[in-house]
Amino acid sequence: MIRIGTDLIEIGRIRRSLDRYAGFRDRCFTEAEQAYCESRPNPAESYAGRFAGKEAVGKALGFGVARAFAWKEIEIVGRPKPSVRLSGRLAAVAERSGMREIDLSMTHSRELAQAVAVASDV
C-alpha cells in the first residue's frame, strides 16, 4: 500500500508566526530542527519547508492535522535529502497501519514552500 500527502504554505505566513508567537518554534519544531533552521540564511524558508513536510507526513499517514496533531512527533532530519523520524502517537499510527517507509521531498520558491510525503508498507 502507498499513501501520499502534500502541503503548500506561504513562507510569509510562517515568518509572521515566528515573529508574533513566542511559543510557535517550541510547539512545532524539535530542538534539532530549530538549530538547523536558525543556522540558515533565511530561517523562515527552512521552517516553512519543515512545517509543510510535517503536514504532508501527517496526511500520508491518514492522521491529518487534527487538533490533537503533535507537531514534534514528526521530526525532519538529514540533509541534503530530508528523512522523517516519528515518535509517540504518530509512530504508533504508522505501525498500526503497516507504514514502514516514509519518503519526503521539500522545496521552496521565494514565496511558497511545498512538501510531498510518500508512505509505504514496503
PDB file of N, CA and C in Angstrom:
ATOM      1  N   MET A   1       0.842  -1.170   0.000  1.00  0.00           N
ATOM      2  CA  MET A   1       0.000   0.000   0.000  1.00  0.00           C
ATOM      3  C   MET A   1       0.893   1.241   0.000  1.00  0.00           C
ATOM      4  N   ILE A   2       0.466   2.231  -0.743  1.00  0.00           N
ATOM      5  CA  ILE A   2       1.169   3.510  -0.809  1.00  0.00           C
ATOM      6  C   ILE A   2       0.170   4.619  -0.510  1.00  0.00           C
ATOM      7  N   ARG A   3       0.578   5.547   0.328  1.00  0.00           N
ATOM      8  CA  ARG A   3      -0.244   6.715   0.639  1.00  0.00           C
ATOM      9  C   ARG A   3       0.591   7.971   0.393  1.00  0.00           C
ATOM     10  N   ILE A   4      -0.058   8.996  -0.117  1.00  0.00           N
ATOM     11  CA  ILE A   4       0.635  10.235  -0.443  1.00  0.00           C
ATOM     12  C   ILE A   4      -0.004  11.393   0.313  1.00  0.00           C
ATOM     13  N   GLY A   5       0.833  12.297   0.789  1.00  0.00           N
ATOM     14  CA  GLY A   5       0.368  13.533   1.417  1.00  0.00           C
ATOM     15  C   GLY A   5       1.158  14.690   0.840  1.00  0.00           C
ATOM     16  N   THR A   6       0.520  15.820   0.691  1.00  0.00           N
ATOM     17  CA  THR A   6       1.197  17.001   0.165  1.00  0.00           C
ATOM     18  C   THR A   6       0.743  18.236   0.931  1.00  0.00           C
ATOM     19  N   ASP A   7       1.579  19.261   0.940  1.00  0.00           N
ATOM     20  CA  ASP A   7       1.199  20.512   1.562  1.00  0.00           C
ATOM     21  C   ASP A   7       1.958  21.653   0.901  1.00  0.00           C
ATOM     22  N   LEU A   8       1.316  22.800   0.862  1.00  0.00           N
ATOM     23  CA  LEU A   8       1.876  24.020   0.292  1.00  0.00           C
ATOM     24  C   LEU A   8       1.574  25.148   1.267  1.00  0.00           C
ATOM     25  N   ILE A   9       2.585  25.936   1.631  1.00  0.00           N
ATOM     26  CA  ILE A   9       2.371  27.009   2.596  1.00  0.00           C
ATOM     27  C   ILE A   9       3.141  28.253   2.182  1.00  0.00           C
ATOM     28  N   GLU A  10       2.568  29.396   2.516  1.00  0.00           N
ATOM     29  CA  GLU A  10       3.239  30.665   2.250  1.00  0.00           C
ATOM     30  C   GLU A  10       4.336  30.884   3.284  1.00  0.00           C
ATOM     31  N   ILE A  11       5.543  31.171   2.817  1.00  0.00           N
ATOM     32  CA  ILE A  11       6.663  31.413   3.725  1.00  0.00           C
ATOM     33  C   ILE A  11       6.363  32.623   4.613  1.00  0.00           C
ATOM     34  N   GLY A  12       5.711  33.634   4.056  1.00  0.00           N
ATOM     35  CA  GLY A  12       5.350  34.812   4.837  1.00  0.00           C
ATOM     36  C   GLY A  12       4.460  34.490   6.022  1.00  0.00           C
ATOM     37  N   ARG A  13       3.589  33.528   5.866  1.00  0.00           N
ATOM     38  CA  ARG A  13       2.704  33.120   6.969  1.00  0.00           C
ATOM     39  C   ARG A  13       3.530  32.533   8.115  1.00  0.00           C
ATOM     40  N   ILE A  14       4.520  31.709   7.774  1.00  0.00           N
ATOM     41  CA  ILE A  14       5.392  31.136   8.803  1.00  0.00           C
ATOM     42  C   ILE A  14       6.257  32.233   9.418  1.00  0.00           C
ATOM     43  N   ARG A  15       6.763  33.137   8.607  1.00  0.00           N
ATOM     44  CA  ARG A  15       7.572  34.252   9.119  1.00  0.00           C
ATOM     45  C   ARG A  15       6.762  35.062  10.142  1.00  0.00           C
ATOM     46  N   ARG A  16       5.509  35.347   9.820  1.00  0.00           N
ATOM     47  CA  ARG A  16       4.658  36.102  10.756  1.00  0.00           C
ATOM     48  C   ARG A  16       4.432  35.315  12.053  1.00  0.00           C
ATOM     49  N   SER A  17       4.233  34.010  11.942  1.00  0.00           N
ATOM     50  CA  SER A  17       4.044  33.186  13.150  1.00  0.00           C
ATOM     51  C   SER A  17       5.307  33.182  14.009  1.00  0.00           C
ATOM     52  N   LEU A  18       6.454  33.114  13.369  1.00  0.00           N
ATOM     53  CA  LEU A  18       7.718  33.152  14.106  1.00  0.00           C
ATOM     54  C   LEU A  18       7.873  34.483  14.846  1.00  0.00           C
ATOM     55  N   ASP A  19       7.470  35.563  14.199  1.00  0.00           N
ATOM     56  CA  ASP A  19       7.598  36.894  14.792  1.00  0.00           C
ATOM     57  C   ASP A  19       6.559  37.163  15.874  1.00  0.00           C
ATOM     58  N   ARG A  20       5.348  36.674  15.696  1.00  0.00           N
ATOM     59  CA  ARG A  20       4.231  37.028  16.584  1.00  0.00           C
ATOM     60  C   ARG A  20       4.074  36.131  17.803  1.00  0.00           C
ATOM     61  N   TYR A  21       4.357  34.855  17.635  1.00  0.00           N
ATOM     62  CA  TYR A  21       4.034  33.885  18.679  1.00  0.00           C
ATOM     63  C   TYR A  21       5.304  33.278  19.259  1.00  0.00           C
ATOM     64  N   ALA A  22       5.599  33.648  20.485  1.00  0.00           N
ATOM     65  CA  ALA A  22       6.831  33.209  21.134  1.00  0.00           C
ATOM     66  C   ALA A  22       6.939  31.679  21.209  1.00  0.00           C
ATOM     67  N   GLY A  23       5.826  30.987  21.389  1.00  0.00           N
ATOM     68  CA  GLY A  23       5.866  29.537  21.552  1.00  0.00           C
ATOM     69  C   GLY A  23       5.789  28.732  20.267  1.00  0.00           C
ATOM     70  N   PHE A  24       5.672  29.406  19.135  1.00  0.00           N
ATOM     71  CA  PHE A  24       5.484  28.695  17.864  1.00  0.00           C
ATOM     72  C   PHE A  24       6.624  27.719  17.576  1.00  0.00           C
ATOM     73  N   ARG A  25       7.861  28.172  17.713  1.00  0.00           N
ATOM     74  CA  ARG A  25       9.022  27.307  17.449  1.00  0.00           C
ATOM     75  C   ARG A  25       8.981  26.057  18.329  1.00  0.00           C
ATOM     76  N   ASP A  26       8.801  26.273  19.638  1.00  0.00           N
ATOM     77  CA  ASP A  26       8.839  25.155  20.574  1.00  0.00           C
ATOM     78  C   ASP A  26       7.647  24.220  20.429  1.00  0.00           C
ATOM     79  N   ARG A  27       6.509  24.744  20.002  1.00  0.00           N
ATOM     80  CA  ARG A  27       5.319  23.902  19.837  1.00  0.00           C
ATOM     81  C   ARG A  27       5.427  23.006  18.607  1.00  0.00           C
ATOM     82  N   CYS A  28       6.069  23.520  17.539  1.00  0.00           N
ATOM     83  CA  CYS A  28       6.036  22.821  16.256  1.00  0.00           C
ATOM     84  C   CYS A  28       7.337  22.140  15.850  1.00  0.00           C
ATOM     85  N   PHE A  29       8.462  22.554  16.440  1.00  0.00           N
ATOM     86  CA  PHE A  29       9.751  22.072  15.949  1.00  0.00           C
ATOM     87  C   PHE A  29      10.626  21.575  17.094  1.00  0.00           C
ATOM     88  N   THR A  30      11.329  20.469  16.841  1.00  0.00           N
ATOM     89  CA  THR A  30      12.259  19.940  17.842  1.00  0.00           C
ATOM     90  C   THR A  30      13.459  20.877  17.969  1.00  0.00           C
ATOM     91  N   GLU A  31      14.246  20.677  19.001  1.00  0.00           N
ATOM     92  CA  GLU A  31      15.451  21.497  19.187  1.00  0.00           C
ATOM     93  C   GLU A  31      16.396  21.364  17.999  1.00  0.00           C
ATOM     94  N   ALA A  32      16.548  20.151  17.488  1.00  0.00           N
ATOM     95  CA  ALA A  32      17.446  19.941  16.340  1.00  0.00           C
ATOM     96  C   ALA A  32      16.921  20.668  15.099  1.00  0.00           C
ATOM     97  N   GLU A  33      15.614  20.629  14.880  1.00  0.00           N
ATOM     98  CA  GLU A  33      15.034  21.343  13.739  1.00  0.00           C
ATOM     99  C   GLU A  33      15.243  22.850  13.885  1.00  0.00           C
ATOM    100  N   GLN A  34      15.032  23.357  15.098  1.00  0.00           N
ATOM    101  CA  GLN A  34      15.230  24.781  15.327  1.00  0.00           C
ATOM    102  C   GLN A  34      16.681  25.182  15.091  1.00  0.00           C
ATOM    103  N   ALA A  35      17.618  24.375  15.572  1.00  0.00           N
ATOM    104  CA  ALA A  35      19.041  24.683  15.383  1.00  0.00           C
ATOM    105  C   ALA A  35      19.372  24.739  13.895  1.00  0.00           C
ATOM    106  N   TYR A  36      18.866  23.770  13.129  1.00  0.00           N
ATOM    107  CA  TYR A  36      19.125  23.763  11.691  1.00  0.00           C
ATOM    108  C   TYR A  36      18.531  25.007  11.028  1.00  0.00           C
ATOM    109  N   CYS A  37      17.256  25.271  11.283  1.00  0.00           N
ATOM    110  CA  CYS A  37      16.586  26.402  10.636  1.00  0.00           C
ATOM    111  C   CYS A  37      17.255  27.724  10.987  1.00  0.00           C
ATOM    112  N   GLU A  38      17.611  27.892  12.238  1.00  0.00           N
ATOM    113  CA  GLU A  38      18.233  29.146  12.672  1.00  0.00           C
ATOM    114  C   GLU A  38      19.636  29.320  12.080  1.00  0.00           C
ATOM    115  N   SER A  39      20.267  28.232  11.650  1.00  0.00           N
ATOM    116  CA  SER A  39      21.600  28.325  11.053  1.00  0.00           C
ATOM    117  C   SER A  39      21.563  28.730   9.578  1.00  0.00           C
ATOM    118  N   ARG A  40      20.389  28.740   8.997  1.00  0.00           N
ATOM    119  CA  ARG A  40      20.235  29.036   7.571  1.00  0.00           C
ATOM    120  C   ARG A  40      20.150  30.543   7.332  1.00  0.00           C
ATOM    121  N   PRO A  41      20.526  30.994   6.120  1.00  0.00           N
ATOM    122  CA  PRO A  41      20.479  32.432   5.819  1.00  0.00           C
ATOM    123  C   PRO A  41      19.072  33.034   5.940  1.00  0.00           C
ATOM    124  N   ASN A  42      18.035  32.262   5.600  1.00  0.00           N
ATOM    125  CA  ASN A  42      16.653  32.727   5.702  1.00  0.00           C
ATOM    126  C   ASN A  42      15.875  31.671   6.498  1.00  0.00           C
ATOM    127  N   PRO A  43      15.902  31.766   7.827  1.00  0.00           N
ATOM    128  CA  PRO A  43      15.276  30.729   8.655  1.00  0.00           C
ATOM    129  C   PRO A  43      13.816  30.454   8.312  1.00  0.00           C
ATOM    130  N   ALA A  44      13.051  31.466   7.951  1.00  0.00           N
ATOM    131  CA  ALA A  44      11.619  31.268   7.676  1.00  0.00           C
ATOM    132  C   ALA A  44      11.406  30.269   6.543  1.00  0.00           C
ATOM    133  N   GLU A  45      12.271  30.278   5.522  1.00  0.00           N
ATOM    134  CA  GLU A  45      12.143  29.307   4.423  1.00  0.00           C
ATOM    135  C   GLU A  45      12.293  27.882   4.938  1.00  0.00           C
ATOM    136  N   SER A  46      13.292  27.676   5.797  1.00  0.00           N
ATOM    137  CA  SER A  46      13.530  26.326   6.326  1.00  0.00           C
ATOM    138  C   SER A  46      12.414  25.880   7.260  1.00  0.00           C
ATOM    139  N   TYR A  47      11.955  26.797   8.104  1.00  0.00           N
ATOM    140  CA  TYR A  47      10.817  26.465   8.975  1.00  0.00           C
ATOM    141  C   TYR A  47       9.583  26.132   8.137  1.00  0.00           C
ATOM    142  N   ALA A  48       9.339  26.915   7.089  1.00  0.00           N
ATOM    143  CA  ALA A  48       8.161  26.671   6.246  1.00  0.00           C
ATOM    144  C   ALA A  48       8.251  25.315   5.558  1.00  0.00           C
ATOM    145  N   GLY A  49       9.427  24.965   5.051  1.00  0.00           N
ATOM    146  CA  GLY A  49       9.599  23.658   4.418  1.00  0.00           C
ATOM    147  C   GLY A  49       9.322  22.526   5.384  1.00  0.00           C
ATOM    148  N   ARG A  50       9.826  22.654   6.595  1.00  0.00           N
ATOM    149  CA  ARG A  50       9.607  21.616   7.601  1.00  0.00           C
ATOM    150  C   ARG A  50       8.152  21.575   8.054  1.00  0.00           C
ATOM    151  N   PHE A  51       7.526  22.731   8.172  1.00  0.00           N
ATOM    152  CA  PHE A  51       6.110  22.776   8.531  1.00  0.00           C
ATOM    153  C   PHE A  51       5.284  22.046   7.471  1.00  0.00           C
ATOM    154  N   ALA A  52       5.545  22.368   6.204  1.00  0.00           N
ATOM    155  CA  ALA A  52       4.843  21.683   5.106  1.00  0.00           C
ATOM    156  C   ALA A  52       5.153  20.192   5.123  1.00  0.00           C
ATOM    157  N   GLY A  53       6.402  19.847   5.417  1.00  0.00           N
ATOM    158  CA  GLY A  53       6.786  18.437   5.493  1.00  0.00           C
ATOM    159  C   GLY A  53       6.013  17.691   6.555  1.00  0.00           C
ATOM    160  N   LYS A  54       5.857  18.294   7.717  1.00  0.00           N
ATOM    161  CA  LYS A  54       5.121  17.652   8.798  1.00  0.00           C
ATOM    162  C   LYS A  54       3.651  17.463   8.421  1.00  0.00           C
ATOM    163  N   GLU A  55       3.061  18.475   7.801  1.00  0.00           N
ATOM    164  CA  GLU A  55       1.664  18.344   7.367  1.00  0.00           C
ATOM    165  C   GLU A  55       1.535  17.247   6.311  1.00  0.00           C
ATOM    166  N   ALA A  56       2.462  17.197   5.363  1.00  0.00           N
ATOM    167  CA  ALA A  56       2.409  16.175   4.310  1.00  0.00           C
ATOM    168  C   ALA A  56       2.538  14.773   4.903  1.00  0.00           C
ATOM    169  N   VAL A  57       3.431  14.602   5.863  1.00  0.00           N
ATOM    170  CA  VAL A  57       3.603  13.294   6.507  1.00  0.00           C
ATOM    171  C   VAL A  57       2.325  12.915   7.258  1.00  0.00           C
ATOM    172  N   GLY A  58       1.755  13.848   8.005  1.00  0.00           N
ATOM    173  CA  GLY A  58       0.509  13.565   8.723  1.00  0.00           C
ATOM    174  C   GLY A  58      -0.591  13.123   7.782  1.00  0.00           C
ATOM    175  N   LYS A  59      -0.694  13.784   6.645  1.00  0.00           N
ATOM    176  CA  LYS A  59      -1.706  13.409   5.652  1.00  0.00           C
ATOM    177  C   LYS A  59      -1.426  12.037   5.060  1.00  0.00           C
ATOM    178  N   ALA A  60      -0.163  11.751   4.752  1.00  0.00           N
ATOM    179  CA  ALA A  60       0.188  10.450   4.177  1.00  0.00           C
ATOM    180  C   ALA A  60      -0.111   9.310   5.153  1.00  0.00           C
ATOM    181  N   LEU A  61       0.008   9.586   6.447  1.00  0.00           N
ATOM    182  CA  LEU A  61      -0.284   8.560   7.452  1.00  0.00           C
ATOM    183  C   LEU A  61      -1.774   8.448   7.741  1.00  0.00           C
ATOM    184  N   GLY A  62      -2.570   9.342   7.162  1.00  0.00           N
ATOM    185  CA  GLY A  62      -4.004   9.304   7.395  1.00  0.00           C
ATOM    186  C   GLY A  62      -4.408   9.966   8.692  1.00  0.00           C
ATOM    187  N   PHE A  63      -3.468  10.632   9.325  1.00  0.00           N
ATOM    188  CA  PHE A  63      -3.735  11.298  10.598  1.00  0.00           C
ATOM    189  C   PHE A  63      -4.191  12.730  10.369  1.00  0.00           C
ATOM    190  N   GLY A  64      -3.757  13.324   9.286  1.00  0.00           N
ATOM    191  CA  GLY A  64      -4.112  14.704   9.003  1.00  0.00           C
ATOM    192  C   GLY A  64      -3.516  15.648  10.021  1.00  0.00           C
ATOM    193  N   VAL A  65      -4.074  16.810  10.107  1.00  0.00           N
ATOM    194  CA  VAL A  65      -3.576  17.805  11.059  1.00  0.00           C
ATOM    195  C   VAL A  65      -4.692  18.202  12.021  1.00  0.00           C
ATOM    196  N   ALA A  66      -5.327  17.196  12.587  1.00  0.00           N
ATOM    197  CA  ALA A  66      -6.418  17.414  13.539  1.00  0.00           C
ATOM    198  C   ALA A  66      -5.912  18.180  14.759  1.00  0.00           C
ATOM    199  N   ARG A  67      -6.832  18.616  15.559  1.00  0.00           N
ATOM    200  CA  ARG A  67      -6.495  19.398  16.754  1.00  0.00           C
ATOM    201  C   ARG A  67      -5.461  18.697  17.630  1.00  0.00           C
ATOM    202  N   ALA A  68      -5.515  17.388  17.690  1.00  0.00           N
ATOM    203  CA  ALA A  68      -4.610  16.626  18.545  1.00  0.00           C
ATOM    204  C   ALA A  68      -3.267  16.333  17.878  1.00  0.00           C
ATOM    205  N   PHE A  69      -3.060  16.872  16.688  1.00  0.00           N
ATOM    206  CA  PHE A  69      -1.820  16.650  15.945  1.00  0.00           C
ATOM    207  C   PHE A  69      -0.628  17.092  16.793  1.00  0.00           C
ATOM    208  N   ALA A  70       0.339  16.243  16.920  1.00  0.00           N
ATOM    209  CA  ALA A  70       1.528  16.536  17.727  1.00  0.00           C
ATOM    210  C   ALA A  70       2.696  16.842  16.786  1.00  0.00           C
ATOM    211  N   TRP A  71       2.951  18.112  16.570  1.00  0.00           N
ATOM    212  CA  TRP A  71       3.928  18.551  15.578  1.00  0.00           C
ATOM    213  C   TRP A  71       5.315  17.962  15.794  1.00  0.00           C
ATOM    214  N   LYS A  72       5.740  17.861  17.038  1.00  0.00           N
ATOM    215  CA  LYS A  72       7.106  17.410  17.305  1.00  0.00           C
ATOM    216  C   LYS A  72       7.248  15.891  17.245  1.00  0.00           C
ATOM    217  N   GLU A  73       6.141  15.168  17.033  1.00  0.00           N
ATOM    218  CA  GLU A  73       6.230  13.718  16.840  1.00  0.00           C
ATOM    219  C   GLU A  73       6.676  13.372  15.430  1.00  0.00           C
ATOM    220  N   ILE A  74       6.752  14.366  14.580  1.00  0.00           N
ATOM    221  CA  ILE A  74       7.338  14.218  13.249  1.00  0.00           C
ATOM    222  C   ILE A  74       8.562  15.122  13.237  1.00  0.00           C
ATOM    223  N   GLU A  75       9.725  14.519  13.090  1.00  0.00           N
ATOM    224  CA  GLU A  75      10.953  15.296  13.030  1.00  0.00           C
ATOM    225  C   GLU A  75      11.575  15.120  11.653  1.00  0.00           C
ATOM    226  N   ILE A  76      11.884  16.236  11.013  1.00  0.00           N
ATOM    227  CA  ILE A  76      12.540  16.216   9.710  1.00  0.00           C
ATOM    228  C   ILE A  76      14.031  16.301   9.968  1.00  0.00           C
ATOM    229  N   VAL A  77      14.758  15.272   9.556  1.00  0.00           N
ATOM    230  CA  VAL A  77      16.199  15.203   9.822  1.00  0.00           C
ATOM    231  C   VAL A  77      16.959  14.979   8.525  1.00  0.00           C
ATOM    232  N   GLY A  78      18.247  15.257   8.576  1.00  0.00           N
ATOM    233  CA  GLY A  78      19.119  14.955   7.447  1.00  0.00           C
ATOM    234  C   GLY A  78      19.142  16.032   6.393  1.00  0.00           C
ATOM    235  N   ARG A  79      20.231  16.040   5.676  1.00  0.00           N
ATOM    236  CA  ARG A  79      20.377  16.895   4.522  1.00  0.00           C
ATOM    237  C   ARG A  79      21.492  16.351   3.667  1.00  0.00           C
ATOM    238  N   PRO A  80      21.537  16.481   2.399  1.00  0.00           N
ATOM    239  CA  PRO A  80      20.608  17.318   1.662  1.00  0.00           C
ATOM    240  C   PRO A  80      19.246  16.662   1.475  1.00  0.00           C
ATOM    241  N   LYS A  81      19.140  15.347   1.529  1.00  0.00           N
ATOM    242  CA  LYS A  81      17.860  14.658   1.372  1.00  0.00           C
ATOM    243  C   LYS A  81      17.228  14.498   2.743  1.00  0.00           C
ATOM    244  N   PRO A  82      16.062  15.125   2.951  1.00  0.00           N
ATOM    245  CA  PRO A  82      15.437  15.002   4.268  1.00  0.00           C
ATOM    246  C   PRO A  82      14.863  13.608   4.497  1.00  0.00           C
ATOM    247  N   SER A  83      14.883  13.200   5.741  1.00  0.00           N
ATOM    248  CA  SER A  83      14.208  11.969   6.125  1.00  0.00           C
ATOM    249  C   SER A  83      13.308  12.284   7.313  1.00  0.00           C
ATOM    250  N   VAL A  84      12.507  11.315   7.698  1.00  0.00           N
ATOM    251  CA  VAL A  84      11.478  11.524   8.711  1.00  0.00           C
ATOM    252  C   VAL A  84      11.724  10.581   9.884  1.00  0.00           C
ATOM    253  N   ARG A  85      11.655  11.142  11.078  1.00  0.00           N
ATOM    254  CA  ARG A  85      11.738  10.346  12.304  1.00  0.00           C
ATOM    255  C   ARG A  85      10.432  10.563  13.057  1.00  0.00           C
ATOM    256  N   LEU A  86       9.700   9.461  13.311  1.00  0.00           N
ATOM    257  CA  LEU A  86       8.419   9.533  14.025  1.00  0.00           C
ATOM    258  C   LEU A  86       8.601   9.112  15.478  1.00  0.00           C
ATOM    259  N   SER A  87       7.758   9.657  16.344  1.00  0.00           N
ATOM    260  CA  SER A  87       7.742   9.241  17.742  1.00  0.00           C
ATOM    261  C   SER A  87       6.308   9.320  18.256  1.00  0.00           C
ATOM    262  N   GLY A  88       6.102   8.852  19.461  1.00  0.00           N
ATOM    263  CA  GLY A  88       4.801   8.969  20.121  1.00  0.00           C
ATOM    264  C   GLY A  88       3.647   8.351  19.359  1.00  0.00           C
ATOM    265  N   ARG A  89       2.508   9.060  19.400  1.00  0.00           N
ATOM    266  CA  ARG A  89       1.286   8.548  18.772  1.00  0.00           C
ATOM    267  C   ARG A  89       1.433   8.351  17.270  1.00  0.00           C
ATOM    268  N   LEU A  90       2.158   9.256  16.614  1.00  0.00           N
ATOM    269  CA  LEU A  90       2.284   9.117  15.158  1.00  0.00           C
ATOM    270  C   LEU A  90       3.101   7.892  14.778  1.00  0.00           C
ATOM    271  N   ALA A  91       4.095   7.552  15.581  1.00  0.00           N
ATOM    272  CA  ALA A  91       4.838   6.315  15.335  1.00  0.00           C
ATOM    273  C   ALA A  91       3.906   5.118  15.490  1.00  0.00           C
ATOM    274  N   ALA A  92       3.019   5.164  16.482  1.00  0.00           N
ATOM    275  CA  ALA A  92       2.061   4.080  16.700  1.00  0.00           C
ATOM    276  C   ALA A  92       1.059   4.004  15.552  1.00  0.00           C
ATOM    277  N   VAL A  93       0.603   5.151  15.060  1.00  0.00           N
ATOM    278  CA  VAL A  93      -0.321   5.183  13.916  1.00  0.00           C
ATOM    279  C   VAL A  93       0.351   4.537  12.700  1.00  0.00           C
ATOM    280  N   ALA A  94       1.596   4.903  12.442  1.00  0.00           N
ATOM    281  CA  ALA A  94       2.323   4.340  11.292  1.00  0.00           C
ATOM    282  C   ALA A  94       2.481   2.833  11.440  1.00  0.00           C
ATOM    283  N   GLU A  95       2.805   2.393  12.633  1.00  0.00           N
ATOM    284  CA  GLU A  95       2.990   0.956  12.868  1.00  0.00           C
ATOM    285  C   GLU A  95       1.686   0.185  12.685  1.00  0.00           C
ATOM    286  N   ARG A  96       0.596   0.699  13.250  1.00  0.00           N
ATOM    287  CA  ARG A  96      -0.701   0.033  13.113  1.00  0.00           C
ATOM    288  C   ARG A  96      -1.160  -0.053  11.668  1.00  0.00           C
ATOM    289  N   SER A  97      -0.856   0.970  10.903  1.00  0.00           N
ATOM    290  CA  SER A  97      -1.294   0.968   9.504  1.00  0.00           C
ATOM    291  C   SER A  97      -0.305   0.254   8.584  1.00  0.00           C
ATOM    292  N   GLY A  98       0.796  -0.247   9.158  1.00  0.00           N
ATOM    293  CA  GLY A  98       1.772  -1.001   8.369  1.00  0.00           C
ATOM    294  C   GLY A  98       2.714  -0.139   7.547  1.00  0.00           C
ATOM    295  N   MET A  99       2.715   1.164   7.771  1.00  0.00           N
ATOM    296  CA  MET A  99       3.594   2.053   7.015  1.00  0.00           C
ATOM    297  C   MET A  99       5.011   1.947   7.567  1.00  0.00           C
ATOM    298  N   ARG A 100       5.905   1.404   6.754  1.00  0.00           N
ATOM    299  CA  ARG A 100       7.279   1.164   7.191  1.00  0.00           C
ATOM    300  C   ARG A 100       8.264   2.221   6.695  1.00  0.00           C
ATOM    301  N   GLU A 101       7.971   2.803   5.571  1.00  0.00           N
ATOM    302  CA  GLU A 101       8.879   3.780   4.955  1.00  0.00           C
ATOM    303  C   GLU A 101       8.129   5.068   4.668  1.00  0.00           C
ATOM    304  N   ILE A 102       8.790   6.191   4.891  1.00  0.00           N
ATOM    305  CA  ILE A 102       8.239   7.486   4.509  1.00  0.00           C
ATOM    306  C   ILE A 102       9.322   8.228   3.746  1.00  0.00           C
ATOM    307  N   ASP A 103       9.021   8.558   2.511  1.00  0.00           N
ATOM    308  CA  ASP A 103       9.933   9.342   1.687  1.00  0.00           C
ATOM    309  C   ASP A 103       9.385  10.758   1.634  1.00  0.00           C
ATOM    310  N   LEU A 104      10.257  11.733   1.784  1.00  0.00           N
ATOM    311  CA  LEU A 104       9.826  13.128   1.843  1.00  0.00           C
ATOM    312  C   LEU A 104      10.641  13.974   0.887  1.00  0.00           C
ATOM    313  N   SER A 105       9.961  14.842   0.173  1.00  0.00           N
ATOM    314  CA  SER A 105      10.616  15.816  -0.687  1.00  0.00           C
ATOM    315  C   SER A 105      10.062  17.193  -0.339  1.00  0.00           C
ATOM    316  N   MET A 106      10.977  18.162  -0.163  1.00  0.00           N
ATOM    317  CA  MET A 106      10.575  19.527   0.169  1.00  0.00           C
ATOM    318  C   MET A 106      11.244  20.479  -0.811  1.00  0.00           C
ATOM    319  N   THR A 107      10.572  21.575  -1.111  1.00  0.00           N
ATOM    320  CA  THR A 107      11.126  22.604  -1.981  1.00  0.00           C
ATOM    321  C   THR A 107      10.508  23.942  -1.618  1.00  0.00           C
ATOM    322  N   HIS A 108      11.138  25.008  -2.073  1.00  0.00           N
ATOM    323  CA  HIS A 108      10.539  26.320  -1.856  1.00  0.00           C
ATOM    324  C   HIS A 108      10.952  27.271  -2.966  1.00  0.00           C
ATOM    325  N   SER A 109      10.105  28.272  -3.147  1.00  0.00           N
ATOM    326  CA  SER A 109      10.408  29.399  -4.016  1.00  0.00           C
ATOM    327  C   SER A 109      10.585  30.602  -3.090  1.00  0.00           C
ATOM    328  N   ARG A 110      10.539  31.785  -3.620  1.00  0.00           N
ATOM    329  CA  ARG A 110      10.640  32.961  -2.749  1.00  0.00           C
ATOM    330  C   ARG A 110       9.449  33.102  -1.829  1.00  0.00           C
ATOM    331  N   GLU A 111       8.296  32.635  -2.280  1.00  0.00           N
ATOM    332  CA  GLU A 111       7.066  32.872  -1.531  1.00  0.00           C
ATOM    333  C   GLU A 111       6.422  31.640  -0.935  1.00  0.00           C
ATOM    334  N   LEU A 112       6.680  30.468  -1.496  1.00  0.00           N
ATOM    335  CA  LEU A 112       5.983  29.251  -1.099  1.00  0.00           C
ATOM    336  C   LEU A 112       6.948  28.128  -0.739  1.00  0.00           C
ATOM    337  N   ALA A 113       6.517  27.293   0.193  1.00  0.00           N
ATOM    338  CA  ALA A 113       7.222  26.050   0.498  1.00  0.00           C
ATOM    339  C   ALA A 113       6.254  24.903   0.268  1.00  0.00           C
ATOM    340  N   GLN A 114       6.775  23.825  -0.300  1.00  0.00           N
ATOM    341  CA  GLN A 114       5.935  22.669  -0.612  1.00  0.00           C
ATOM    342  C   GLN A 114       6.640  21.396  -0.172  1.00  0.00           C
ATOM    343  N   ALA A 115       5.840  20.422   0.217  1.00  0.00           N
ATOM    344  CA  ALA A 115       6.365  19.119   0.578  1.00  0.00           C
ATOM    345  C   ALA A 115       5.428  18.032   0.079  1.00  0.00           C
ATOM    346  N   VAL A 116       6.023  16.903  -0.293  1.00  0.00           N
ATOM    347  CA  VAL A 116       5.277  15.714  -0.684  1.00  0.00           C
ATOM    348  C   VAL A 116       5.851  14.551   0.114  1.00  0.00           C
ATOM    349  N   ALA A 117       4.978  13.792   0.754  1.00  0.00           N
ATOM    350  CA  ALA A 117       5.391  12.620   1.506  1.00  0.00           C
ATOM    351  C   ALA A 117       4.726  11.380   0.898  1.00  0.00           C
ATOM    352  N   VAL A 118       5.508  10.319   0.792  1.00  0.00           N
ATOM    353  CA  VAL A 118       5.002   9.045   0.295  1.00  0.00           C
ATOM    354  C   VAL A 118       5.276   8.011   1.389  1.00  0.00           C
ATOM    355  N   ALA A 119       4.219   7.441   1.942  1.00  0.00           N
ATOM    356  CA  ALA A 119       4.339   6.401   2.956  1.00  0.00           C
ATOM    357  C   ALA A 119       3.992   5.066   2.304  1.00  0.00           C
ATOM    358  N   SER A 120       4.795   4.051   2.634  1.00  0.00           N
ATOM    359  CA  SER A 120       4.535   2.732   2.023  1.00  0.00           C
ATOM    360  C   SER A 120       4.743   1.627   3.051  1.00  0.00           C
ATOM    361  N   ASP A 121       4.158   0.487   2.751  1.00  0.00           N
ATOM    362  CA  ASP A 121       4.293  -0.669   3.625  1.00  0.00           C
ATOM    363  C   ASP A 121       5.404  -1.610   3.171  1.00  0.00           C
ATOM    364  N   VAL A 122       6.225  -1.134   2.254  1.00  0.00           N
ATOM    365  CA  VAL A 122       7.336  -1.946   1.724  1.00  0.00           C
ATOM    366  C   VAL A 122       8.590  -1.701   2.522  1.00  0.00           C
TER     367      VAL A 122
END
